[in-house]
Amino acid sequence: MTQHLQRLGKFFFLSGALLLFNCQTEDVAVTEHNHQEAIKLSSKSIDDLLKEQQFNTAFSSLPKDGKTIKTSLEGKTAMEEEFGFTIVDQDIKIVNVDGNVSYSLLIARETETPGIVENLIIEIDDTGVPMASIVKYIVPSASNPFVENKPAVEGVSEIIPLNYDPVLENRMACVTITFPNCRSEPYCGGAICGYATISFCAGSYNPFTPITVIADPEGGGANGGGPNHGGGSGVPVNPNIPDQNPPLSIAQHLKKLSSSPNYDQSIAYLKAKANGSKEYAWAYKYFSNSSSFAPPQVVGDNQKDPNKVNLLAYTGGDYIGAMHNHPFPLAGEIPMFSPGDIRWLFRCATKHTPAAGQQKDYNAYFVLLVVGSGTYALKIKDSQKFMAISPKYEKLNKELVYNYTVSGHDASATTLQKDLLNVLKANDIGVGLYQEIIVNGVKVWHELSLNPNNANSNPILTPLN
């Protein structure tokens, strides 16, 4: 995280607001837009956004009054007193429309209010002028923004402008939220089916519920827009609520794999073949439209070489990983991952089709290797780096083959581990090496890493929680 999270200057007021709603009546209108080009919903990490000048400039100029913002990624001091909060490590929701953009950051406080989710909202109009506020959303106990074309929130309880100019303090009396609008599809994965907007004033509730809308009496939302009063935030926002089902970590996925049907039997079978002359493999997939493992499938032989398996035929669709051995001393084989194993992992991640309505979970993909020294796994740690591997693959392939050739087939397990780890580090492809070790009768996955203080020492084994 850059120092921009620490040095926050004074904010400027957003002018030329785009008024997309009216707070003068008790009924809150739903406006439908079915032109895909009119609005774009997306999300990015705060680290990625800080590399973009527009967001960096706006974020760096947040009002601080001698205070600083804390993020869950950095151990910085939180904004205390009335604006004390922490930015949660969750992707930021972005809305782009007609040259205007809004960023919704999920924030948390030491003491949470049940039924309330808070967002720090940064808005930038088409002239580049920013404005910020804290919006306290009212959320249902089980929120899903894609159920019955309803938004993820039920209303807004409070809007706090982050502007110390008393003349402009009440500008944001209302806020417009946007959400996917799918009439026939159960899920549209963003805004590809169009979108709808609903305007909430502070104290207002979802028009889908029989609750009367109450405009913010201090902000003047019920009296319409004006330079010193309510009338809207200007740019539609996409509420950022906590993930109801956050993606599993690499550790959780590996533990799930180790508990899957026939896992132990498959490992035992491959271990029994470790000293043979033939390669064997199992392909793993999820049941259709599910994240539960189906029983592993036996991988067929390669027609060109019956001592090898045809793993490339087991990608796409529901396939998410594979388990195989490297027979010893089969010519050309090394009891450690090969460049071809890395290439297969890339193909698996590229070709996999997620369940309906789901995005790819790069933590899920894997390739396992069972050899005499143990059971190993390659996992994707950084999907952006790994999916950009193509220009690096030829260099990686040559370096890894060279390392293994120098070390030889009879090299120790730790030597081969270092051969692989050095190449992964040098090429920075976002892949990690893991080993399953039995500890007191329990299967525990460990991540292997090079010792930063002694390149000649054995790799460090760090148990995964």
Protein backbone atom coordinates (compact mmCIF):
# COMPACT_ATOMS: atom_id res chain seq x y z
CA MET A 1 0.00 0.00 0.00
CA THR A 2 1.39 3.40 -0.85
CA GLN A 3 1.85 6.38 1.39
CA HIS A 4 -1.24 7.89 -0.20
CA LEU A 5 -3.21 6.07 2.49
CA GLN A 6 -1.38 8.12 5.10
CA ARG A 7 -1.24 11.55 3.53
CA LEU A 8 -4.77 12.72 2.99
CA GLY A 9 -5.37 16.37 2.08
CA LYS A 10 -8.43 18.55 1.82
CA PHE A 11 -11.27 17.39 -0.46
CA PHE A 12 -12.95 19.46 -3.16
CA PHE A 13 -16.66 19.74 -3.67
CA LEU A 14 -18.40 17.93 -6.54
CA SER A 15 -20.06 20.43 -8.86
CA GLY A 16 -22.43 19.92 -11.71
CA ALA A 17 -24.23 17.03 -9.99
CA LEU A 18 -26.29 14.71 -12.18
CA LEU A 19 -29.72 14.65 -10.53
CA LEU A 20 -31.20 11.25 -11.30
CA PHE A 21 -33.93 11.21 -8.70
CA ASN A 22 -36.37 13.34 -6.77
CA CYS A 23 -36.88 13.31 -2.99
CA GLN A 24 -40.02 15.48 -2.96
CA THR A 25 -42.60 12.72 -2.73
CA GLU A 26 -43.16 9.77 -0.44
CA ASP A 27 -42.87 7.32 -3.33
CA VAL A 28 -39.32 6.54 -4.39
CA ALA A 29 -39.29 5.87 -8.12
CA VAL A 30 -37.36 3.08 -9.75
CA THR A 31 -35.73 4.20 -12.98
CA GLU A 32 -34.93 1.46 -15.48
CA HIS A 33 -32.10 1.65 -18.00
CA ASN A 34 -31.56 -1.14 -20.48
CA HIS A 35 -28.76 0.36 -22.55
CA GLN A 36 -25.62 -1.52 -21.68
CA GLU A 37 -23.42 1.39 -22.82
CA ALA A 38 -25.10 3.83 -20.43
CA ILE A 39 -23.51 2.43 -17.29
CA LYS A 40 -20.68 0.09 -16.37
CA LEU A 41 -20.41 -1.79 -13.08
CA SER A 42 -17.01 -3.17 -12.08
CA SER A 43 -14.80 -3.81 -9.07
CA LYS A 44 -11.08 -3.54 -8.29
CA SER A 45 -8.78 -3.85 -5.29
CA ILE A 46 -7.63 -0.67 -3.59
CA ASP A 47 -4.04 -1.49 -4.53
CA ASP A 48 -4.98 -1.59 -8.22
CA LEU A 49 -7.00 1.62 -7.98
CA LEU A 50 -4.19 3.50 -6.27
CA LYS A 51 -2.20 2.96 -9.45
CA GLU A 52 -4.84 4.97 -11.35
CA GLN A 53 -4.26 8.70 -11.18
CA GLN A 54 -7.93 9.71 -10.93
CA PHE A 55 -8.67 7.57 -7.89
CA ASN A 56 -5.27 8.16 -6.30
CA THR A 57 -5.71 11.93 -6.47
CA ALA A 58 -9.23 11.82 -5.03
CA PHE A 59 -8.35 9.34 -2.31
CA SER A 60 -5.22 11.26 -1.32
CA SER A 61 -7.21 14.46 -0.83
CA LEU A 62 -9.81 13.04 1.54
CA PRO A 63 -10.39 15.47 4.44
CA LYS A 64 -8.41 14.44 7.49
CA ASP A 65 -8.24 17.40 9.89
CA GLY A 66 -5.11 15.95 11.46
CA LYS A 67 -6.42 12.38 11.32
CA THR A 68 -5.62 9.45 9.09
CA ILE A 69 -7.50 6.54 7.61
CA LYS A 70 -6.65 2.97 8.50
CA THR A 71 -7.01 0.09 6.09
CA SER A 72 -7.14 -3.57 7.04
CA LEU A 73 -4.14 -4.09 4.75
CA GLU A 74 -1.91 -1.68 6.63
CA GLY A 75 -1.56 -1.15 10.35
CA LYS A 76 -2.18 2.60 10.25
CA THR A 77 -4.09 4.65 12.79
CA ALA A 78 -7.84 4.81 12.21
CA MET A 79 -9.77 8.03 11.77
CA GLU A 80 -10.99 8.62 15.28
CA GLU A 81 -13.84 10.69 16.73
CA GLU A 82 -16.83 11.07 14.40
CA PHE A 83 -15.18 9.62 11.25
CA GLY A 84 -13.32 6.69 12.85
CA PHE A 85 -13.39 3.64 10.54
CA THR A 86 -11.29 0.96 8.84
CA ILE A 87 -11.36 0.19 5.12
CA VAL A 88 -12.16 -3.50 4.70
CA ASP A 89 -9.96 -5.63 2.44
CA GLN A 90 -12.68 -6.22 -0.15
CA ASP A 91 -12.82 -5.12 -3.78
CA ILE A 92 -14.13 -1.61 -4.35
CA LYS A 93 -17.41 -1.29 -6.29
CA ILE A 94 -17.15 1.10 -9.24
CA VAL A 95 -19.88 2.74 -11.34
CA ASN A 96 -19.04 4.63 -14.55
CA VAL A 97 -21.76 6.63 -16.31
CA ASP A 98 -21.49 9.52 -18.75
CA GLY A 99 -17.99 10.50 -17.67
CA ASN A 100 -18.86 10.34 -13.97
CA VAL A 101 -17.53 7.68 -11.64
CA SER A 102 -18.25 6.52 -8.09
CA TYR A 103 -16.19 4.26 -5.84
CA SER A 104 -17.84 2.44 -2.93
CA LEU A 105 -15.44 1.19 -0.24
CA LEU A 106 -16.71 -1.13 2.47
CA ILE A 107 -15.73 0.23 5.89
CA ALA A 108 -15.99 -1.11 9.43
CA ARG A 109 -15.85 0.26 12.94
CA GLU A 110 -14.77 -1.25 16.23
CA THR A 111 -18.42 -1.33 17.31
CA GLU A 112 -20.79 -2.44 14.54
CA THR A 113 -24.51 -1.58 14.40
CA PRO A 114 -26.70 -4.62 13.57
CA GLY A 115 -28.47 -4.26 10.23
CA ILE A 116 -26.22 -1.40 9.10
CA VAL A 117 -23.43 -1.57 6.52
CA GLU A 118 -21.27 1.50 5.96
CA ASN A 119 -19.57 2.60 2.76
CA LEU A 120 -17.05 5.34 2.11
CA ILE A 121 -18.18 6.75 -1.23
CA ILE A 122 -15.88 8.79 -3.44
CA GLU A 123 -17.51 10.41 -6.45
CA ILE A 124 -15.81 12.21 -9.33
CA ASP A 125 -17.76 14.13 -11.94
CA ASP A 126 -16.82 14.52 -15.61
CA THR A 127 -14.68 17.58 -14.80
CA GLY A 128 -12.57 15.56 -12.35
CA VAL A 129 -13.93 17.25 -9.22
CA PRO A 130 -14.30 14.78 -6.31
CA MET A 131 -16.69 14.53 -3.35
CA ALA A 132 -16.86 12.01 -0.53
CA SER A 133 -19.34 10.83 2.06
CA ILE A 134 -20.06 7.99 4.44
CA VAL A 135 -23.36 6.26 3.69
CA LYS A 136 -24.97 3.98 6.27
CA TYR A 137 -27.10 1.43 4.43
CA ILE A 138 -29.93 -0.56 5.94
CA VAL A 139 -29.47 -4.18 4.91
CA PRO A 140 -31.72 -7.23 5.28
CA SER A 141 -30.50 -10.14 7.40
CA ALA A 142 -29.83 -12.21 4.26
CA SER A 143 -28.96 -9.83 1.45
CA ASN A 144 -28.64 -10.85 -2.20
CA PRO A 145 -28.56 -8.14 -4.86
CA PHE A 146 -29.69 -10.55 -7.58
CA VAL A 147 -32.89 -11.86 -6.03
CA GLU A 148 -36.07 -10.72 -7.78
CA ASN A 149 -34.28 -7.74 -9.33
CA LYS A 150 -34.07 -5.99 -5.99
CA PRO A 151 -31.12 -3.99 -4.67
CA ALA A 152 -28.72 -5.30 -2.05
CA VAL A 153 -29.87 -2.75 0.52
CA GLU A 154 -33.26 -1.78 1.94
CA GLY A 155 -32.56 1.88 2.53
CA VAL A 156 -30.25 4.54 3.96
CA SER A 157 -30.21 5.50 7.63
CA GLU A 158 -27.62 8.27 7.47
CA ILE A 159 -25.38 10.16 5.04
CA ILE A 160 -22.30 11.93 6.43
CA PRO A 161 -20.57 14.35 4.03
CA LEU A 162 -16.79 14.36 4.38
CA ASN A 163 -16.50 18.06 3.74
CA TYR A 164 -15.57 20.59 6.39
CA ASP A 165 -17.04 23.57 4.56
CA PRO A 166 -20.24 24.33 6.55
CA VAL A 167 -21.89 25.87 3.47
CA LEU A 168 -21.56 22.58 1.60
CA GLU A 169 -21.96 20.23 4.53
CA ASN A 170 -25.49 19.07 3.72
CA ARG A 171 -25.03 18.58 -0.01
CA MET A 172 -25.48 14.79 0.12
CA ALA A 173 -28.92 14.40 1.64
CA CYS A 174 -29.73 11.56 -0.75
CA VAL A 175 -27.96 8.85 -2.66
CA THR A 176 -28.78 6.95 -5.84
CA ILE A 177 -27.91 3.26 -5.95
CA THR A 178 -27.77 1.11 -9.05
CA PHE A 179 -28.27 -2.63 -9.36
CA PRO A 180 -28.57 -5.24 -12.13
CA ASN A 181 -31.96 -5.35 -13.81
CA CYS A 182 -32.58 -8.82 -15.28
CA ARG A 183 -36.14 -9.46 -16.34
CA SER A 184 -35.76 -13.00 -17.65
CA GLU A 185 -32.31 -14.15 -16.52
CA PRO A 186 -31.84 -15.27 -12.90
CA TYR A 187 -28.40 -13.65 -12.79
CA CYS A 188 -26.69 -11.26 -15.11
CA GLY A 189 -23.19 -10.99 -13.72
CA GLY A 190 -22.93 -7.22 -13.55
CA ALA A 191 -24.88 -4.86 -15.80
CA ILE A 192 -25.04 -6.90 -18.99
CA CYS A 193 -28.83 -7.11 -18.77
CA GLY A 194 -29.23 -3.42 -18.05
CA TYR A 195 -29.63 -1.75 -14.66
CA ALA A 196 -32.08 0.08 -12.47
CA THR A 197 -31.54 2.96 -10.07
CA ILE A 198 -33.32 3.84 -6.85
CA SER A 199 -32.82 7.05 -4.90
CA PHE A 200 -32.76 7.00 -1.10
CA CYS A 201 -32.66 9.97 1.20
CA ALA A 202 -31.30 9.63 4.71
CA GLY A 203 -33.97 7.81 6.66
CA SER A 204 -35.63 6.29 3.56
CA TYR A 205 -36.44 2.64 2.93
CA ASN A 206 -36.84 0.27 0.03
CA PRO A 207 -39.91 1.10 -2.12
CA PHE A 208 -40.42 -2.66 -2.45
CA THR A 209 -41.49 -2.65 1.21
CA PRO A 210 -44.62 -0.94 2.62
CA ILE A 211 -42.61 1.62 4.60
CA THR A 212 -43.13 5.34 4.07
CA VAL A 213 -40.09 7.22 2.86
CA ILE A 214 -38.95 9.93 5.23
CA ALA A 215 -36.61 12.52 3.77
CA ASP A 216 -33.70 13.80 5.82
CA PRO A 217 -35.15 16.83 7.68
CA GLU A 218 -31.77 18.52 8.12
CA GLY A 219 -30.40 17.84 4.69
CA GLY A 220 -33.45 19.26 2.98
CA GLY A 221 -33.91 16.24 0.75
CA ALA A 222 -37.68 16.67 0.63
CA ASN A 223 -37.29 20.18 -0.71
CA GLY A 224 -35.39 19.28 -3.84
CA GLY A 225 -31.91 20.13 -4.99
CA GLY A 226 -30.04 23.30 -4.35
CA PRO A 227 -26.49 24.48 -3.94
CA ASN A 228 -26.57 24.19 -0.17
CA HIS A 229 -29.06 21.39 0.39
CA GLY A 230 -29.97 17.88 -0.65
CA GLY A 231 -30.85 16.71 -4.08
CA GLY A 232 -28.60 13.75 -4.56
CA SER A 233 -25.09 12.46 -4.66
CA GLY A 234 -24.83 13.13 -8.37
CA VAL A 235 -23.39 9.79 -9.48
CA PRO A 236 -25.11 6.40 -9.02
CA VAL A 237 -23.29 4.10 -6.61
CA ASN A 238 -23.11 0.33 -6.23
CA PRO A 239 -23.48 -0.57 -2.53
CA ASN A 240 -20.54 -2.55 -1.21
CA ILE A 241 -21.84 -5.10 1.26
CA PRO A 242 -19.82 -7.85 3.01
CA ASP A 243 -19.46 -11.00 0.95
CA GLN A 244 -22.16 -13.43 2.02
CA ASN A 245 -20.07 -16.35 0.79
CA PRO A 246 -16.47 -15.14 0.53
CA PRO A 247 -14.22 -17.27 -1.66
CA LEU A 248 -12.25 -19.99 0.08
CA SER A 249 -8.56 -19.41 0.75
CA ILE A 250 -5.88 -21.66 -0.73
CA ALA A 251 -5.59 -23.38 2.65
CA GLN A 252 -9.34 -24.01 2.78
CA HIS A 253 -9.38 -25.37 -0.78
CA LEU A 254 -6.51 -27.75 -0.04
CA LYS A 255 -8.21 -28.96 3.13
CA LYS A 256 -11.42 -29.44 1.15
CA LEU A 257 -9.50 -31.46 -1.45
CA SER A 258 -7.88 -33.64 1.20
CA SER A 259 -11.35 -34.46 2.53
CA SER A 260 -12.90 -35.18 -0.88
CA PRO A 261 -14.23 -38.61 -1.95
CA ASN A 262 -11.53 -41.22 -2.67
CA TYR A 263 -8.69 -38.75 -2.02
CA ASP A 264 -6.77 -41.02 0.35
CA GLN A 265 -7.26 -44.04 -1.91
CA SER A 266 -6.02 -42.07 -4.94
CA ILE A 267 -2.91 -40.89 -3.07
CA ALA A 268 -2.17 -44.43 -1.89
CA TYR A 269 -2.55 -45.81 -5.42
CA LEU A 270 -0.13 -43.27 -6.89
CA LYS A 271 2.38 -43.83 -4.10
CA ALA A 272 2.33 -47.54 -4.88
CA LYS A 273 3.22 -46.69 -8.50
CA ALA A 274 6.01 -44.27 -7.57
CA ASN A 275 8.81 -46.66 -8.56
CA GLY A 276 7.13 -47.95 -11.70
CA SER A 277 7.72 -46.99 -15.32
CA LYS A 278 4.24 -45.62 -16.12
CA GLU A 279 2.48 -42.37 -15.35
CA TYR A 280 -0.98 -42.42 -13.76
CA ALA A 281 -3.39 -39.59 -13.05
CA TRP A 282 -6.79 -38.69 -11.67
CA ALA A 283 -8.83 -35.73 -12.92
CA TYR A 284 -10.98 -33.74 -10.52
CA LYS A 285 -14.17 -31.88 -11.31
CA TYR A 286 -17.12 -30.38 -9.55
CA PHE A 287 -20.64 -31.65 -9.96
CA SER A 288 -22.49 -29.48 -12.51
CA ASN A 289 -23.53 -26.08 -11.07
CA SER A 290 -21.88 -27.00 -7.77
CA SER A 291 -18.66 -26.51 -5.81
CA SER A 292 -18.70 -30.07 -4.45
CA PHE A 293 -16.18 -32.60 -5.70
CA ALA A 294 -17.36 -35.43 -7.88
CA PRO A 295 -15.39 -38.72 -7.51
CA PRO A 296 -12.05 -38.43 -9.35
CA GLN A 297 -11.80 -39.84 -12.86
CA VAL A 298 -9.02 -42.08 -14.16
CA VAL A 299 -7.09 -40.22 -16.88
CA GLY A 300 -6.56 -42.13 -20.11
CA ASP A 301 -3.21 -42.88 -21.72
CA ASN A 302 -1.49 -40.67 -24.25
CA GLN A 303 -1.90 -42.36 -27.65
CA LYS A 304 1.60 -41.31 -28.72
CA ASP A 305 3.24 -42.64 -25.57
CA PRO A 306 1.36 -45.26 -23.51
CA ASN A 307 3.68 -44.58 -20.55
CA LYS A 308 2.26 -41.05 -20.30
CA VAL A 309 -1.26 -39.84 -19.55
CA ASN A 310 -3.33 -37.47 -21.69
CA LEU A 311 -4.12 -34.80 -19.10
CA LEU A 312 -4.83 -32.15 -21.74
CA ALA A 313 -8.06 -33.98 -22.57
CA TYR A 314 -9.29 -33.32 -19.04
CA THR A 315 -9.74 -29.56 -19.04
CA GLY A 316 -12.74 -27.34 -19.65
CA GLY A 317 -16.26 -27.72 -18.35
CA ASP A 318 -16.29 -28.65 -14.66
CA TYR A 319 -12.66 -29.82 -14.38
CA ILE A 320 -10.73 -27.89 -11.75
CA GLY A 321 -7.62 -29.97 -11.03
CA ALA A 322 -5.63 -33.17 -11.37
CA MET A 323 -3.47 -35.53 -9.35
CA HIS A 324 -0.65 -37.53 -10.97
CA ASN A 325 2.71 -39.16 -10.44
CA HIS A 326 6.10 -38.88 -12.12
CA PRO A 327 7.41 -42.44 -12.40
CA PHE A 328 11.05 -42.97 -11.58
CA PRO A 329 13.43 -43.57 -13.31
CA LEU A 330 11.43 -43.06 -16.51
CA ALA A 331 13.63 -41.18 -18.98
CA GLY A 332 13.03 -37.44 -18.90
CA GLU A 333 11.00 -37.52 -15.67
CA ILE A 334 11.96 -35.75 -12.46
CA PRO A 335 10.20 -36.35 -9.12
CA MET A 336 9.07 -32.72 -8.99
CA PHE A 337 6.70 -30.53 -11.02
CA SER A 338 7.60 -30.07 -14.69
CA PRO A 339 7.05 -27.06 -16.97
CA GLY A 340 4.24 -29.08 -18.54
CA ASP A 341 2.49 -29.29 -15.16
CA ILE A 342 2.53 -25.50 -14.90
CA ARG A 343 1.19 -25.25 -18.45
CA TRP A 344 -1.60 -27.70 -17.59
CA LEU A 345 -2.60 -25.63 -14.56
CA PHE A 346 -2.87 -22.59 -16.84
CA ARG A 347 -5.02 -24.52 -19.30
CA CYS A 348 -7.22 -25.82 -16.49
CA ALA A 349 -7.86 -22.32 -15.13
CA THR A 350 -8.43 -20.90 -18.61
CA LYS A 351 -10.82 -23.58 -19.81
CA HIS A 352 -12.89 -24.08 -16.64
CA THR A 353 -16.55 -23.02 -16.82
CA PRO A 354 -17.85 -21.82 -13.42
CA ALA A 355 -21.32 -22.71 -12.18
CA ALA A 356 -24.14 -20.45 -13.40
CA GLY A 357 -23.91 -17.03 -11.83
CA GLN A 358 -20.43 -17.61 -10.38
CA GLN A 359 -17.05 -16.11 -11.23
CA LYS A 360 -13.84 -18.08 -11.51
CA ASP A 361 -12.24 -18.84 -8.18
CA TYR A 362 -8.55 -19.07 -9.00
CA ASN A 363 -7.79 -20.38 -5.52
CA ALA A 364 -9.63 -23.58 -6.46
CA TYR A 365 -7.47 -24.76 -9.36
CA PHE A 366 -4.68 -27.21 -8.61
CA VAL A 367 -2.27 -29.81 -9.92
CA LEU A 368 -1.00 -32.42 -7.44
CA LEU A 369 2.11 -34.53 -7.76
CA VAL A 370 2.64 -37.75 -5.80
CA VAL A 371 6.25 -38.97 -5.73
CA GLY A 372 8.48 -40.88 -3.34
CA SER A 373 9.30 -37.77 -1.28
CA GLY A 374 5.67 -36.86 -0.69
CA THR A 375 2.54 -35.18 -2.03
CA TYR A 376 2.92 -31.70 -3.54
CA ALA A 377 0.56 -29.12 -5.01
CA LEU A 378 0.88 -26.12 -7.31
CA LYS A 379 -1.71 -23.42 -6.62
CA ILE A 380 -2.41 -20.00 -8.11
CA LYS A 381 -1.57 -17.25 -5.61
CA ASP A 382 -1.90 -14.26 -7.95
CA SER A 383 -4.32 -14.81 -10.83
CA GLN A 384 -3.33 -11.65 -12.72
CA LYS A 385 0.32 -12.65 -12.81
CA PHE A 386 -0.43 -16.27 -13.62
CA MET A 387 -2.85 -15.55 -16.45
CA ALA A 388 -0.14 -13.38 -18.04
CA ILE A 389 2.33 -16.28 -18.08
CA SER A 390 2.39 -16.88 -21.84
CA PRO A 391 5.30 -14.51 -22.71
CA LYS A 392 7.34 -15.99 -19.84
CA TYR A 393 6.67 -19.67 -20.43
CA GLU A 394 9.50 -20.39 -22.86
CA LYS A 395 12.08 -18.81 -20.57
CA LEU A 396 10.61 -20.58 -17.53
CA ASN A 397 10.65 -23.91 -19.38
CA LYS A 398 14.34 -23.59 -20.31
CA GLU A 399 15.39 -22.51 -16.82
CA LEU A 400 13.53 -25.30 -15.05
CA VAL A 401 14.77 -28.00 -17.42
CA TYR A 402 18.31 -26.69 -16.99
CA ASN A 403 18.07 -26.73 -13.19
CA TYR A 404 16.73 -30.26 -13.14
CA THR A 405 19.36 -31.43 -15.63
CA VAL A 406 22.17 -30.06 -13.48
CA SER A 407 20.69 -31.56 -10.31
CA GLY A 408 19.87 -34.92 -11.89
CA HIS A 409 17.19 -37.55 -11.28
CA ASP A 410 18.74 -38.71 -8.04
CA ALA A 411 18.90 -35.25 -6.46
CA SER A 412 17.41 -34.85 -3.01
CA ALA A 413 13.83 -33.69 -2.61
CA THR A 414 14.96 -30.37 -1.08
CA THR A 415 17.31 -29.74 -4.01
CA LEU A 416 14.53 -30.24 -6.53
CA GLN A 417 12.21 -28.08 -4.44
CA LYS A 418 14.75 -25.25 -4.56
CA ASP A 419 15.22 -25.76 -8.30
CA LEU A 420 11.51 -25.14 -8.80
CA LEU A 421 11.15 -22.36 -6.22
CA ASN A 422 14.04 -20.40 -7.73
CA VAL A 423 12.43 -20.50 -11.17
CA LEU A 424 9.01 -19.53 -9.81
CA LYS A 425 10.57 -16.59 -7.97
CA ALA A 426 12.70 -15.46 -10.91
CA ASN A 427 9.75 -15.43 -13.32
CA ASP A 428 7.19 -14.09 -10.81
CA ILE A 429 4.21 -16.00 -12.24
CA GLY A 430 2.04 -15.94 -9.11
CA VAL A 431 2.24 -19.69 -8.32
CA GLY A 432 2.96 -21.30 -4.94
CA LEU A 433 4.41 -24.71 -4.04
CA TYR A 434 2.78 -26.71 -1.24
CA GLN A 435 3.40 -30.06 0.46
CA GLU A 436 1.04 -32.24 2.46
CA ILE A 437 2.63 -33.62 5.63
CA ILE A 438 1.06 -35.93 8.18
CA VAL A 439 1.36 -34.34 11.63
CA ASN A 440 0.19 -36.50 14.54
CA GLY A 441 -2.02 -38.46 12.19
CA VAL A 442 -3.55 -35.30 10.67
CA LYS A 443 -3.04 -34.11 7.07
CA VAL A 444 -1.53 -30.62 7.17
CA TRP A 445 -0.64 -28.61 4.07
CA HIS A 446 2.49 -26.46 4.20
CA GLU A 447 3.73 -23.78 1.83
CA LEU A 448 7.35 -24.10 0.73
CA SER A 449 9.46 -20.97 0.29
CA LEU A 450 13.11 -20.10 -0.14
CA ASN A 451 15.04 -19.06 2.94
CA PRO A 452 15.72 -15.33 2.41
CA ASN A 453 18.72 -15.46 4.77
CA ASN A 454 20.42 -18.53 3.35
CA ALA A 455 19.89 -19.55 -0.28
CA ASN A 456 21.68 -22.85 0.31
CA SER A 457 19.49 -24.00 3.19
CA ASN A 458 16.43 -26.20 2.84
CA PRO A 459 13.15 -24.50 1.86
CA ILE A 460 11.04 -23.17 4.70
CA LEU A 461 7.86 -25.13 5.46
CA THR A 462 5.03 -22.91 6.74
CA PRO A 463 1.86 -24.71 7.87
CA LEU A 464 -1.37 -23.34 6.44
CA ASN A 465 -4.10 -22.39 8.87
